[in-house]
Amino acid sequence: AYPFLKARFNLDRILPTIGSLRIHPQP
């Protein structure tokens, strides 16, 4: 199903965004 999901949800744009998420702890 990956090729269909990739075409439908534009995973080339979403995956790098998910990969760049960082957790910022509170001081």
mmCIF file of all heavy atoms, coordinates in Angstrom:
data_MODEL
# 
_entry.id   MODEL 
# 
loop_
_atom_site.group_PDB 
_atom_site.id 
_atom_site.type_symbol 
_atom_site.label_atom_id 
_atom_site.label_alt_id 
_atom_site.label_comp_id 
_atom_site.label_asym_id 
_atom_site.label_entity_id 
_atom_site.label_seq_id 
_atom_site.pdbx_PDB_ins_code 
_atom_site.Cartn_x 
_atom_site.Cartn_y 
_atom_site.Cartn_z 
_atom_site.occupancy 
_atom_site.B_iso_or_equiv 
_atom_site.pdbx_formal_charge 
_atom_site.auth_seq_id 
_atom_site.auth_comp_id 
_atom_site.auth_asym_id 
_atom_site.auth_atom_id 
_atom_site.pdbx_PDB_model_num 
ATOM 1   N N   . ALA A 1 1  ? 0.803  -1.222 0.000  1.00 0.00 ? 1  ALA A N   1 
ATOM 2   C CA  . ALA A 1 1  ? 0.000  0.000  0.000  1.00 0.00 ? 1  ALA A CA  1 
ATOM 3   C C   . ALA A 1 1  ? 0.834  1.269  0.000  1.00 0.00 ? 1  ALA A C   1 
ATOM 4   O O   . ALA A 1 1  ? 0.295  2.358  -0.218 1.00 0.00 ? 1  ALA A O   1 
ATOM 5   C CB  . ALA A 1 1  ? -0.922 -0.002 1.225  1.00 0.00 ? 1  ALA A CB  1 
ATOM 6   N N   . TYR A 1 2  ? 2.145  1.177  0.225  1.00 0.00 ? 2  TYR A N   1 
ATOM 7   C CA  . TYR A 1 2  ? 2.972  2.379  0.336  1.00 0.00 ? 2  TYR A CA  1 
ATOM 8   C C   . TYR A 1 2  ? 2.884  3.298  -0.881 1.00 0.00 ? 2  TYR A C   1 
ATOM 9   O O   . TYR A 1 2  ? 2.722  4.518  -0.705 1.00 0.00 ? 2  TYR A O   1 
ATOM 10  C CB  . TYR A 1 2  ? 4.425  2.005  0.629  1.00 0.00 ? 2  TYR A CB  1 
ATOM 11  C CG  . TYR A 1 2  ? 5.327  3.201  0.745  1.00 0.00 ? 2  TYR A CG  1 
ATOM 12  C CD1 . TYR A 1 2  ? 5.296  4.007  1.877  1.00 0.00 ? 2  TYR A CD1 1 
ATOM 13  C CD2 . TYR A 1 2  ? 6.184  3.561  -0.292 1.00 0.00 ? 2  TYR A CD2 1 
ATOM 14  C CE1 . TYR A 1 2  ? 6.102  5.110  1.984  1.00 0.00 ? 2  TYR A CE1 1 
ATOM 15  C CE2 . TYR A 1 2  ? 6.996  4.667  -0.196 1.00 0.00 ? 2  TYR A CE2 1 
ATOM 16  C CZ  . TYR A 1 2  ? 6.955  5.444  0.947  1.00 0.00 ? 2  TYR A CZ  1 
ATOM 17  O OH  . TYR A 1 2  ? 7.753  6.549  1.035  1.00 0.00 ? 2  TYR A OH  1 
ATOM 18  N N   . PRO A 1 3  ? 2.987  2.803  -2.108 1.00 0.00 ? 3  PRO A N   1 
ATOM 19  C CA  . PRO A 1 3  ? 2.902  3.738  -3.244 1.00 0.00 ? 3  PRO A CA  1 
ATOM 20  C C   . PRO A 1 3  ? 1.569  4.493  -3.296 1.00 0.00 ? 3  PRO A C   1 
ATOM 21  O O   . PRO A 1 3  ? 1.536  5.679  -3.635 1.00 0.00 ? 3  PRO A O   1 
ATOM 22  C CB  . PRO A 1 3  ? 3.054  2.841  -4.474 1.00 0.00 ? 3  PRO A CB  1 
ATOM 23  C CG  . PRO A 1 3  ? 3.722  1.621  -3.988 1.00 0.00 ? 3  PRO A CG  1 
ATOM 24  C CD  . PRO A 1 3  ? 3.284  1.442  -2.579 1.00 0.00 ? 3  PRO A CD  1 
ATOM 25  N N   . PHE A 1 4  ? 0.488  3.829  -2.936 1.00 0.00 ? 4  PHE A N   1 
ATOM 26  C CA  . PHE A 1 4  ? -0.815 4.492  -2.950 1.00 0.00 ? 4  PHE A CA  1 
ATOM 27  C C   . PHE A 1 4  ? -0.900 5.530  -1.825 1.00 0.00 ? 4  PHE A C   1 
ATOM 28  O O   . PHE A 1 4  ? -1.403 6.632  -2.021 1.00 0.00 ? 4  PHE A O   1 
ATOM 29  C CB  . PHE A 1 4  ? -1.939 3.464  -2.805 1.00 0.00 ? 4  PHE A CB  1 
ATOM 30  C CG  . PHE A 1 4  ? -1.903 2.419  -3.876 1.00 0.00 ? 4  PHE A CG  1 
ATOM 31  C CD1 . PHE A 1 4  ? -1.524 1.123  -3.585 1.00 0.00 ? 4  PHE A CD1 1 
ATOM 32  C CD2 . PHE A 1 4  ? -2.229 2.728  -5.190 1.00 0.00 ? 4  PHE A CD2 1 
ATOM 33  C CE1 . PHE A 1 4  ? -1.479 0.158  -4.572 1.00 0.00 ? 4  PHE A CE1 1 
ATOM 34  C CE2 . PHE A 1 4  ? -2.191 1.771  -6.190 1.00 0.00 ? 4  PHE A CE2 1 
ATOM 35  C CZ  . PHE A 1 4  ? -1.812 0.478  -5.878 1.00 0.00 ? 4  PHE A CZ  1 
ATOM 36  N N   . LEU A 1 5  ? -0.385 5.183  -0.641 1.00 0.00 ? 5  LEU A N   1 
ATOM 37  C CA  . LEU A 1 5  ? -0.381 6.134  0.468  1.00 0.00 ? 5  LEU A CA  1 
ATOM 38  C C   . LEU A 1 5  ? 0.511  7.329  0.156  1.00 0.00 ? 5  LEU A C   1 
ATOM 39  O O   . LEU A 1 5  ? 0.177  8.467  0.494  1.00 0.00 ? 5  LEU A O   1 
ATOM 40  C CB  . LEU A 1 5  ? 0.085  5.445  1.750  1.00 0.00 ? 5  LEU A CB  1 
ATOM 41  C CG  . LEU A 1 5  ? -0.821 4.343  2.295  1.00 0.00 ? 5  LEU A CG  1 
ATOM 42  C CD1 . LEU A 1 5  ? -0.153 3.659  3.478  1.00 0.00 ? 5  LEU A CD1 1 
ATOM 43  C CD2 . LEU A 1 5  ? -2.157 4.925  2.708  1.00 0.00 ? 5  LEU A CD2 1 
ATOM 44  N N   . LYS A 1 6  ? 1.636  7.062  -0.469 1.00 0.00 ? 6  LYS A N   1 
ATOM 45  C CA  . LYS A 1 6  ? 2.572  8.131  -0.814 1.00 0.00 ? 6  LYS A CA  1 
ATOM 46  C C   . LYS A 1 6  ? 1.929  9.119  -1.783 1.00 0.00 ? 6  LYS A C   1 
ATOM 47  O O   . LYS A 1 6  ? 2.056  10.334 -1.619 1.00 0.00 ? 6  LYS A O   1 
ATOM 48  C CB  . LYS A 1 6  ? 3.830  7.528  -1.426 1.00 0.00 ? 6  LYS A CB  1 
ATOM 49  C CG  . LYS A 1 6  ? 4.897  8.530  -1.745 1.00 0.00 ? 6  LYS A CG  1 
ATOM 50  C CD  . LYS A 1 6  ? 6.131  7.834  -2.292 1.00 0.00 ? 6  LYS A CD  1 
ATOM 51  C CE  . LYS A 1 6  ? 7.173  8.841  -2.700 1.00 0.00 ? 6  LYS A CE  1 
ATOM 52  N NZ  . LYS A 1 6  ? 8.338  8.217  -3.300 1.00 0.00 ? 6  LYS A NZ  1 
ATOM 53  N N   . ALA A 1 7  ? 1.221  8.614  -2.767 1.00 0.00 ? 7  ALA A N   1 
ATOM 54  C CA  . ALA A 1 7  ? 0.563  9.483  -3.736 1.00 0.00 ? 7  ALA A CA  1 
ATOM 55  C C   . ALA A 1 7  ? -0.622 10.224 -3.117 1.00 0.00 ? 7  ALA A C   1 
ATOM 56  O O   . ALA A 1 7  ? -0.836 11.396 -3.405 1.00 0.00 ? 7  ALA A O   1 
ATOM 57  C CB  . ALA A 1 7  ? 0.096  8.673  -4.933 1.00 0.00 ? 7  ALA A CB  1 
ATOM 58  N N   . ARG A 1 8  ? -1.344 9.559  -2.256 1.00 0.00 ? 8  ARG A N   1 
ATOM 59  C CA  . ARG A 1 8  ? -2.559 10.162 -1.688 1.00 0.00 ? 8  ARG A CA  1 
ATOM 60  C C   . ARG A 1 8  ? -2.247 11.241 -0.656 1.00 0.00 ? 8  ARG A C   1 
ATOM 61  O O   . ARG A 1 8  ? -2.860 12.295 -0.645 1.00 0.00 ? 8  ARG A O   1 
ATOM 62  C CB  . ARG A 1 8  ? -3.407 9.054  -1.051 1.00 0.00 ? 8  ARG A CB  1 
ATOM 63  C CG  . ARG A 1 8  ? -4.615 9.521  -0.323 1.00 0.00 ? 8  ARG A CG  1 
ATOM 64  C CD  . ARG A 1 8  ? -5.685 9.975  -1.275 1.00 0.00 ? 8  ARG A CD  1 
ATOM 65  N NE  . ARG A 1 8  ? -6.863 10.322 -0.531 1.00 0.00 ? 8  ARG A NE  1 
ATOM 66  C CZ  . ARG A 1 8  ? -7.614 11.357 -0.810 1.00 0.00 ? 8  ARG A CZ  1 
ATOM 67  N NH1 . ARG A 1 8  ? -7.337 12.113 -1.821 1.00 0.00 ? 8  ARG A NH1 1 
ATOM 68  N NH2 . ARG A 1 8  ? -8.671 11.631 -0.089 1.00 0.00 ? 8  ARG A NH2 1 
ATOM 69  N N   . PHE A 1 9  ? -1.300 10.975 0.239  1.00 0.00 ? 9  PHE A N   1 
ATOM 70  C CA  . PHE A 1 9  ? -1.037 11.882 1.347  1.00 0.00 ? 9  PHE A CA  1 
ATOM 71  C C   . PHE A 1 9  ? 0.210  12.736 1.155  1.00 0.00 ? 9  PHE A C   1 
ATOM 72  O O   . PHE A 1 9  ? 0.601  13.443 2.060  1.00 0.00 ? 9  PHE A O   1 
ATOM 73  C CB  . PHE A 1 9  ? -0.919 11.086 2.652  1.00 0.00 ? 9  PHE A CB  1 
ATOM 74  C CG  . PHE A 1 9  ? -2.189 10.394 3.022  1.00 0.00 ? 9  PHE A CG  1 
ATOM 75  C CD1 . PHE A 1 9  ? -2.254 9.022  3.036  1.00 0.00 ? 9  PHE A CD1 1 
ATOM 76  C CD2 . PHE A 1 9  ? -3.321 11.110 3.347  1.00 0.00 ? 9  PHE A CD2 1 
ATOM 77  C CE1 . PHE A 1 9  ? -3.420 8.369  3.376  1.00 0.00 ? 9  PHE A CE1 1 
ATOM 78  C CE2 . PHE A 1 9  ? -4.503 10.472 3.688  1.00 0.00 ? 9  PHE A CE2 1 
ATOM 79  C CZ  . PHE A 1 9  ? -4.551 9.090  3.706  1.00 0.00 ? 9  PHE A CZ  1 
ATOM 80  N N   . ASN A 1 10 ? 0.871  12.664 -0.011 1.00 0.00 ? 10 ASN A N   1 
ATOM 81  C CA  . ASN A 1 10 ? 2.062  13.438 -0.302 1.00 0.00 ? 10 ASN A CA  1 
ATOM 82  C C   . ASN A 1 10 ? 3.103  13.249 0.809  1.00 0.00 ? 10 ASN A C   1 
ATOM 83  O O   . ASN A 1 10 ? 3.523  14.186 1.474  1.00 0.00 ? 10 ASN A O   1 
ATOM 84  C CB  . ASN A 1 10 ? 1.715  14.920 -0.486 1.00 0.00 ? 10 ASN A CB  1 
ATOM 85  C CG  . ASN A 1 10 ? 2.837  15.686 -1.143 1.00 0.00 ? 10 ASN A CG  1 
ATOM 86  O OD1 . ASN A 1 10 ? 3.844  15.107 -1.551 1.00 0.00 ? 10 ASN A OD1 1 
ATOM 87  N ND2 . ASN A 1 10 ? 2.677  16.988 -1.247 1.00 0.00 ? 10 ASN A ND2 1 
ATOM 88  N N   . LEU A 1 11 ? 3.511  12.000 1.009  1.00 0.00 ? 11 LEU A N   1 
ATOM 89  C CA  . LEU A 1 11 ? 4.416  11.656 2.102  1.00 0.00 ? 11 LEU A CA  1 
ATOM 90  C C   . LEU A 1 11 ? 5.793  12.290 1.959  1.00 0.00 ? 11 LEU A C   1 
ATOM 91  O O   . LEU A 1 11 ? 6.502  12.444 2.951  1.00 0.00 ? 11 LEU A O   1 
ATOM 92  C CB  . LEU A 1 11 ? 4.556  10.138 2.213  1.00 0.00 ? 11 LEU A CB  1 
ATOM 93  C CG  . LEU A 1 11 ? 3.304  9.389  2.651  1.00 0.00 ? 11 LEU A CG  1 
ATOM 94  C CD1 . LEU A 1 11 ? 3.581  7.903  2.723  1.00 0.00 ? 11 LEU A CD1 1 
ATOM 95  C CD2 . LEU A 1 11 ? 2.805  9.887  3.988  1.00 0.00 ? 11 LEU A CD2 1 
ATOM 96  N N   . ASP A 1 12 ? 6.183  12.693 0.746  1.00 0.00 ? 12 ASP A N   1 
ATOM 97  C CA  . ASP A 1 12 ? 7.472  13.357 0.576  1.00 0.00 ? 12 ASP A CA  1 
ATOM 98  C C   . ASP A 1 12 ? 7.508  14.682 1.332  1.00 0.00 ? 12 ASP A C   1 
ATOM 99  O O   . ASP A 1 12 ? 8.561  15.148 1.751  1.00 0.00 ? 12 ASP A O   1 
ATOM 100 C CB  . ASP A 1 12 ? 7.765  13.603 -0.904 1.00 0.00 ? 12 ASP A CB  1 
ATOM 101 C CG  . ASP A 1 12 ? 8.070  12.313 -1.637 1.00 0.00 ? 12 ASP A CG  1 
ATOM 102 O OD1 . ASP A 1 12 ? 8.534  11.365 -0.976 1.00 0.00 ? 12 ASP A OD1 1 
ATOM 103 O OD2 . ASP A 1 12 ? 7.842  12.255 -2.855 1.00 0.00 ? 12 ASP A OD2 1 
ATOM 104 N N   . ARG A 1 13 ? 6.367  15.298 1.534  1.00 0.00 ? 13 ARG A N   1 
ATOM 105 C CA  . ARG A 1 13 ? 6.300  16.552 2.273  1.00 0.00 ? 13 ARG A CA  1 
ATOM 106 C C   . ARG A 1 13 ? 6.081  16.306 3.769  1.00 0.00 ? 13 ARG A C   1 
ATOM 107 O O   . ARG A 1 13 ? 6.626  17.008 4.608  1.00 0.00 ? 13 ARG A O   1 
ATOM 108 C CB  . ARG A 1 13 ? 5.152  17.410 1.728  1.00 0.00 ? 13 ARG A CB  1 
ATOM 109 C CG  . ARG A 1 13 ? 5.030  18.759 2.398  1.00 0.00 ? 13 ARG A CG  1 
ATOM 110 C CD  . ARG A 1 13 ? 3.888  19.552 1.808  1.00 0.00 ? 13 ARG A CD  1 
ATOM 111 N NE  . ARG A 1 13 ? 2.614  18.849 1.837  1.00 0.00 ? 13 ARG A NE  1 
ATOM 112 C CZ  . ARG A 1 13 ? 1.783  18.835 2.878  1.00 0.00 ? 13 ARG A CZ  1 
ATOM 113 N NH1 . ARG A 1 13 ? 2.098  19.459 3.977  1.00 0.00 ? 13 ARG A NH1 1 
ATOM 114 N NH2 . ARG A 1 13 ? 0.638  18.183 2.813  1.00 0.00 ? 13 ARG A NH2 1 
ATOM 115 N N   . ILE A 1 14 ? 5.306  15.273 4.119  1.00 0.00 ? 14 ILE A N   1 
ATOM 116 C CA  . ILE A 1 14 ? 4.944  15.031 5.518  1.00 0.00 ? 14 ILE A CA  1 
ATOM 117 C C   . ILE A 1 14 ? 6.073  14.375 6.303  1.00 0.00 ? 14 ILE A C   1 
ATOM 118 O O   . ILE A 1 14 ? 6.361  14.769 7.427  1.00 0.00 ? 14 ILE A O   1 
ATOM 119 C CB  . ILE A 1 14 ? 3.669  14.169 5.596  1.00 0.00 ? 14 ILE A CB  1 
ATOM 120 C CG1 . ILE A 1 14 ? 2.479  14.935 5.024  1.00 0.00 ? 14 ILE A CG1 1 
ATOM 121 C CG2 . ILE A 1 14 ? 3.382  13.741 7.018  1.00 0.00 ? 14 ILE A CG2 1 
ATOM 122 C CD1 . ILE A 1 14 ? 1.226  14.100 4.893  1.00 0.00 ? 14 ILE A CD1 1 
ATOM 123 N N   . LEU A 1 15 ? 6.751  13.368 5.723  1.00 0.00 ? 15 LEU A N   1 
ATOM 124 C CA  . LEU A 1 15 ? 7.764  12.617 6.463  1.00 0.00 ? 15 LEU A CA  1 
ATOM 125 C C   . LEU A 1 15 ? 8.928  13.464 6.970  1.00 0.00 ? 15 LEU A C   1 
ATOM 126 O O   . LEU A 1 15 ? 9.328  13.315 8.116  1.00 0.00 ? 15 LEU A O   1 
ATOM 127 C CB  . LEU A 1 15 ? 8.255  11.429 5.635  1.00 0.00 ? 15 LEU A CB  1 
ATOM 128 C CG  . LEU A 1 15 ? 7.241  10.296 5.469  1.00 0.00 ? 15 LEU A CG  1 
ATOM 129 C CD1 . LEU A 1 15 ? 7.814  9.208  4.581  1.00 0.00 ? 15 LEU A CD1 1 
ATOM 130 C CD2 . LEU A 1 15 ? 6.829  9.725  6.800  1.00 0.00 ? 15 LEU A CD2 1 
ATOM 131 N N   . PRO A 1 16 ? 9.497  14.386 6.172  1.00 0.00 ? 16 PRO A N   1 
ATOM 132 C CA  . PRO A 1 16 ? 10.561 15.227 6.734  1.00 0.00 ? 16 PRO A CA  1 
ATOM 133 C C   . PRO A 1 16 ? 10.070 16.112 7.871  1.00 0.00 ? 16 PRO A C   1 
ATOM 134 O O   . PRO A 1 16 ? 10.803 16.385 8.817  1.00 0.00 ? 16 PRO A O   1 
ATOM 135 C CB  . PRO A 1 16 ? 11.025 16.067 5.549  1.00 0.00 ? 16 PRO A CB  1 
ATOM 136 C CG  . PRO A 1 16 ? 10.650 15.283 4.356  1.00 0.00 ? 16 PRO A CG  1 
ATOM 137 C CD  . PRO A 1 16 ? 9.393  14.564 4.724  1.00 0.00 ? 16 PRO A CD  1 
ATOM 138 N N   . THR A 1 17 ? 8.819  16.530 7.803  1.00 0.00 ? 17 THR A N   1 
ATOM 139 C CA  . THR A 1 17 ? 8.269  17.347 8.879  1.00 0.00 ? 17 THR A CA  1 
ATOM 140 C C   . THR A 1 17 ? 8.174  16.542 10.166 1.00 0.00 ? 17 THR A C   1 
ATOM 141 O O   . THR A 1 17 ? 8.525  17.025 11.241 1.00 0.00 ? 17 THR A O   1 
ATOM 142 C CB  . THR A 1 17 ? 6.868  17.871 8.481  1.00 0.00 ? 17 THR A CB  1 
ATOM 143 O OG1 . THR A 1 17 ? 6.974  18.544 7.240  1.00 0.00 ? 17 THR A OG1 1 
ATOM 144 C CG2 . THR A 1 17 ? 6.317  18.796 9.536  1.00 0.00 ? 17 THR A CG2 1 
ATOM 145 N N   . ILE A 1 18 ? 7.722  15.298 10.068 1.00 0.00 ? 18 ILE A N   1 
ATOM 146 C CA  . ILE A 1 18 ? 7.636  14.430 11.249 1.00 0.00 ? 18 ILE A CA  1 
ATOM 147 C C   . ILE A 1 18 ? 9.027  14.139 11.796 1.00 0.00 ? 18 ILE A C   1 
ATOM 148 O O   . ILE A 1 18 ? 9.243  14.127 13.005 1.00 0.00 ? 18 ILE A O   1 
ATOM 149 C CB  . ILE A 1 18 ? 6.890  13.127 10.900 1.00 0.00 ? 18 ILE A CB  1 
ATOM 150 C CG1 . ILE A 1 18 ? 5.419  13.424 10.601 1.00 0.00 ? 18 ILE A CG1 1 
ATOM 151 C CG2 . ILE A 1 18 ? 7.003  12.114 12.034 1.00 0.00 ? 18 ILE A CG2 1 
ATOM 152 C CD1 . ILE A 1 18 ? 4.652  12.251 10.069 1.00 0.00 ? 18 ILE A CD1 1 
ATOM 153 N N   . GLY A 1 19 ? 9.996  13.959 10.901 1.00 0.00 ? 19 GLY A N   1 
ATOM 154 C CA  . GLY A 1 19 ? 11.359 13.657 11.335 1.00 0.00 ? 19 GLY A CA  1 
ATOM 155 C C   . GLY A 1 19 ? 12.051 14.815 12.012 1.00 0.00 ? 19 GLY A C   1 
ATOM 156 O O   . GLY A 1 19 ? 12.985 14.632 12.784 1.00 0.00 ? 19 GLY A O   1 
ATOM 157 N N   . SER A 1 20 ? 11.602 16.046 11.759 1.00 0.00 ? 20 SER A N   1 
ATOM 158 C CA  . SER A 1 20 ? 12.266 17.198 12.360 1.00 0.00 ? 20 SER A CA  1 
ATOM 159 C C   . SER A 1 20 ? 11.619 17.643 13.666 1.00 0.00 ? 20 SER A C   1 
ATOM 160 O O   . SER A 1 20 ? 12.030 18.646 14.241 1.00 0.00 ? 20 SER A O   1 
ATOM 161 C CB  . SER A 1 20 ? 12.272 18.363 11.365 1.00 0.00 ? 20 SER A CB  1 
ATOM 162 O OG  . SER A 1 20 ? 10.957 18.814 11.144 1.00 0.00 ? 20 SER A OG  1 
ATOM 163 N N   . LEU A 1 21 ? 10.602 16.934 14.127 1.00 0.00 ? 21 LEU A N   1 
ATOM 164 C CA  . LEU A 1 21 ? 9.974  17.301 15.394 1.00 0.00 ? 21 LEU A CA  1 
ATOM 165 C C   . LEU A 1 21 ? 10.938 17.076 16.539 1.00 0.00 ? 21 LEU A C   1 
ATOM 166 O O   . LEU A 1 21 ? 11.638 16.075 16.607 1.00 0.00 ? 21 LEU A O   1 
ATOM 167 C CB  . LEU A 1 21 ? 8.710  16.468 15.627 1.00 0.00 ? 21 LEU A CB  1 
ATOM 168 C CG  . LEU A 1 21 ? 7.532  16.741 14.700 1.00 0.00 ? 21 LEU A CG  1 
ATOM 169 C CD1 . LEU A 1 21 ? 6.396  15.784 15.026 1.00 0.00 ? 21 LEU A CD1 1 
ATOM 170 C CD2 . LEU A 1 21 ? 7.054  18.165 14.833 1.00 0.00 ? 21 LEU A CD2 1 
ATOM 171 N N   . ARG A 1 22 ? 11.005 17.999 17.446 1.00 0.00 ? 22 ARG A N   1 
ATOM 172 C CA  . ARG A 1 22 ? 11.879 17.897 18.607 1.00 0.00 ? 22 ARG A CA  1 
ATOM 173 C C   . ARG A 1 22 ? 11.078 18.206 19.863 1.00 0.00 ? 22 ARG A C   1 
ATOM 174 O O   . ARG A 1 22 ? 10.154 19.010 19.840 1.00 0.00 ? 22 ARG A O   1 
ATOM 175 C CB  . ARG A 1 22 ? 13.037 18.887 18.513 1.00 0.00 ? 22 ARG A CB  1 
ATOM 176 C CG  . ARG A 1 22 ? 13.951 18.650 17.336 1.00 0.00 ? 22 ARG A CG  1 
ATOM 177 C CD  . ARG A 1 22 ? 14.789 17.398 17.576 1.00 0.00 ? 22 ARG A CD  1 
ATOM 178 N NE  . ARG A 1 22 ? 15.698 17.164 16.480 1.00 0.00 ? 22 ARG A NE  1 
ATOM 179 C CZ  . ARG A 1 22 ? 15.530 16.250 15.544 1.00 0.00 ? 22 ARG A CZ  1 
ATOM 180 N NH1 . ARG A 1 22 ? 14.464 15.500 15.548 1.00 0.00 ? 22 ARG A NH1 1 
ATOM 181 N NH2 . ARG A 1 22 ? 16.418 16.091 14.599 1.00 0.00 ? 22 ARG A NH2 1 
ATOM 182 N N   . ILE A 1 23 ? 11.470 17.589 20.944 1.00 0.00 ? 23 ILE A N   1 
ATOM 183 C CA  . ILE A 1 23 ? 10.831 17.854 22.227 1.00 0.00 ? 23 ILE A CA  1 
ATOM 184 C C   . ILE A 1 23 ? 11.669 18.897 22.947 1.00 0.00 ? 23 ILE A C   1 
ATOM 185 O O   . ILE A 1 23 ? 12.882 18.738 23.099 1.00 0.00 ? 23 ILE A O   1 
ATOM 186 C CB  . ILE A 1 23 ? 10.720 16.568 23.063 1.00 0.00 ? 23 ILE A CB  1 
ATOM 187 C CG1 . ILE A 1 23 ? 9.831  15.569 22.340 1.00 0.00 ? 23 ILE A CG1 1 
ATOM 188 C CG2 . ILE A 1 23 ? 10.195 16.873 24.451 1.00 0.00 ? 23 ILE A CG2 1 
ATOM 189 C CD1 . ILE A 1 23 ? 9.775  14.223 22.992 1.00 0.00 ? 23 ILE A CD1 1 
ATOM 190 N N   . HIS A 1 24 ? 11.030 19.962 23.377 1.00 0.00 ? 24 HIS A N   1 
ATOM 191 C CA  . HIS A 1 24 ? 11.736 21.024 24.096 1.00 0.00 ? 24 HIS A CA  1 
ATOM 192 C C   . HIS A 1 24 ? 11.325 20.956 25.557 1.00 0.00 ? 24 HIS A C   1 
ATOM 193 O O   . HIS A 1 24 ? 10.209 21.326 25.912 1.00 0.00 ? 24 HIS A O   1 
ATOM 194 C CB  . HIS A 1 24 ? 11.383 22.384 23.505 1.00 0.00 ? 24 HIS A CB  1 
ATOM 195 C CG  . HIS A 1 24 ? 11.716 22.486 22.051 1.00 0.00 ? 24 HIS A CG  1 
ATOM 196 N ND1 . HIS A 1 24 ? 13.008 22.566 21.609 1.00 0.00 ? 24 HIS A ND1 1 
ATOM 197 C CD2 . HIS A 1 24 ? 10.941 22.478 20.941 1.00 0.00 ? 24 HIS A CD2 1 
ATOM 198 C CE1 . HIS A 1 24 ? 13.015 22.627 20.291 1.00 0.00 ? 24 HIS A CE1 1 
ATOM 199 N NE2 . HIS A 1 24 ? 11.760 22.563 19.860 1.00 0.00 ? 24 HIS A NE2 1 
ATOM 200 N N   . PRO A 1 25 ? 12.208 20.482 26.423 1.00 0.00 ? 25 PRO A N   1 
ATOM 201 C CA  . PRO A 1 25 ? 11.840 20.368 27.847 1.00 0.00 ? 25 PRO A CA  1 
ATOM 202 C C   . PRO A 1 25 ? 11.689 21.735 28.488 1.00 0.00 ? 25 PRO A C   1 
ATOM 203 O O   . PRO A 1 25 ? 12.324 22.705 28.082 1.00 0.00 ? 25 PRO A O   1 
ATOM 204 C CB  . PRO A 1 25 ? 13.016 19.607 28.452 1.00 0.00 ? 25 PRO A CB  1 
ATOM 205 C CG  . PRO A 1 25 ? 14.150 19.851 27.529 1.00 0.00 ? 25 PRO A CG  1 
ATOM 206 C CD  . PRO A 1 25 ? 13.563 20.047 26.166 1.00 0.00 ? 25 PRO A CD  1 
ATOM 207 N N   . GLN A 1 26 ? 10.821 21.792 29.461 1.00 0.00 ? 26 GLN A N   1 
ATOM 208 C CA  . GLN A 1 26 ? 10.628 23.019 30.215 1.00 0.00 ? 26 GLN A CA  1 
ATOM 209 C C   . GLN A 1 26 ? 11.786 23.197 31.183 1.00 0.00 ? 26 GLN A C   1 
ATOM 210 O O   . GLN A 1 26 ? 12.274 22.230 31.752 1.00 0.00 ? 26 GLN A O   1 
ATOM 211 C CB  . GLN A 1 26 ? 9.304  22.953 30.999 1.00 0.00 ? 26 GLN A CB  1 
ATOM 212 C CG  . GLN A 1 26 ? 8.087  22.830 30.112 1.00 0.00 ? 26 GLN A CG  1 
ATOM 213 C CD  . GLN A 1 26 ? 7.873  24.052 29.248 1.00 0.00 ? 26 GLN A CD  1 
ATOM 214 O OE1 . GLN A 1 26 ? 8.150  25.166 29.670 1.00 0.00 ? 26 GLN A OE1 1 
ATOM 215 N NE2 . GLN A 1 26 ? 7.397  23.839 28.027 1.00 0.00 ? 26 GLN A NE2 1 
ATOM 216 N N   . PRO A 1 27 ? 12.242 24.421 31.393 1.00 0.00 ? 27 PRO A N   1 
ATOM 217 C CA  . PRO A 1 27 ? 13.335 24.618 32.348 1.00 0.00 ? 27 PRO A CA  1 
ATOM 218 C C   . PRO A 1 27 ? 12.894 24.249 33.753 1.00 0.00 ? 27 PRO A C   1 
ATOM 219 O O   . PRO A 1 27 ? 11.752 24.492 34.144 1.00 0.00 ? 27 PRO A O   1 
ATOM 220 C CB  . PRO A 1 27 ? 13.653 26.112 32.235 1.00 0.00 ? 27 PRO A CB  1 
ATOM 221 C CG  . PRO A 1 27 ? 12.468 26.727 31.583 1.00 0.00 ? 27 PRO A CG  1 
ATOM 222 C CD  . PRO A 1 27 ? 11.791 25.662 30.781 1.00 0.00 ? 27 PRO A CD  1 
# 
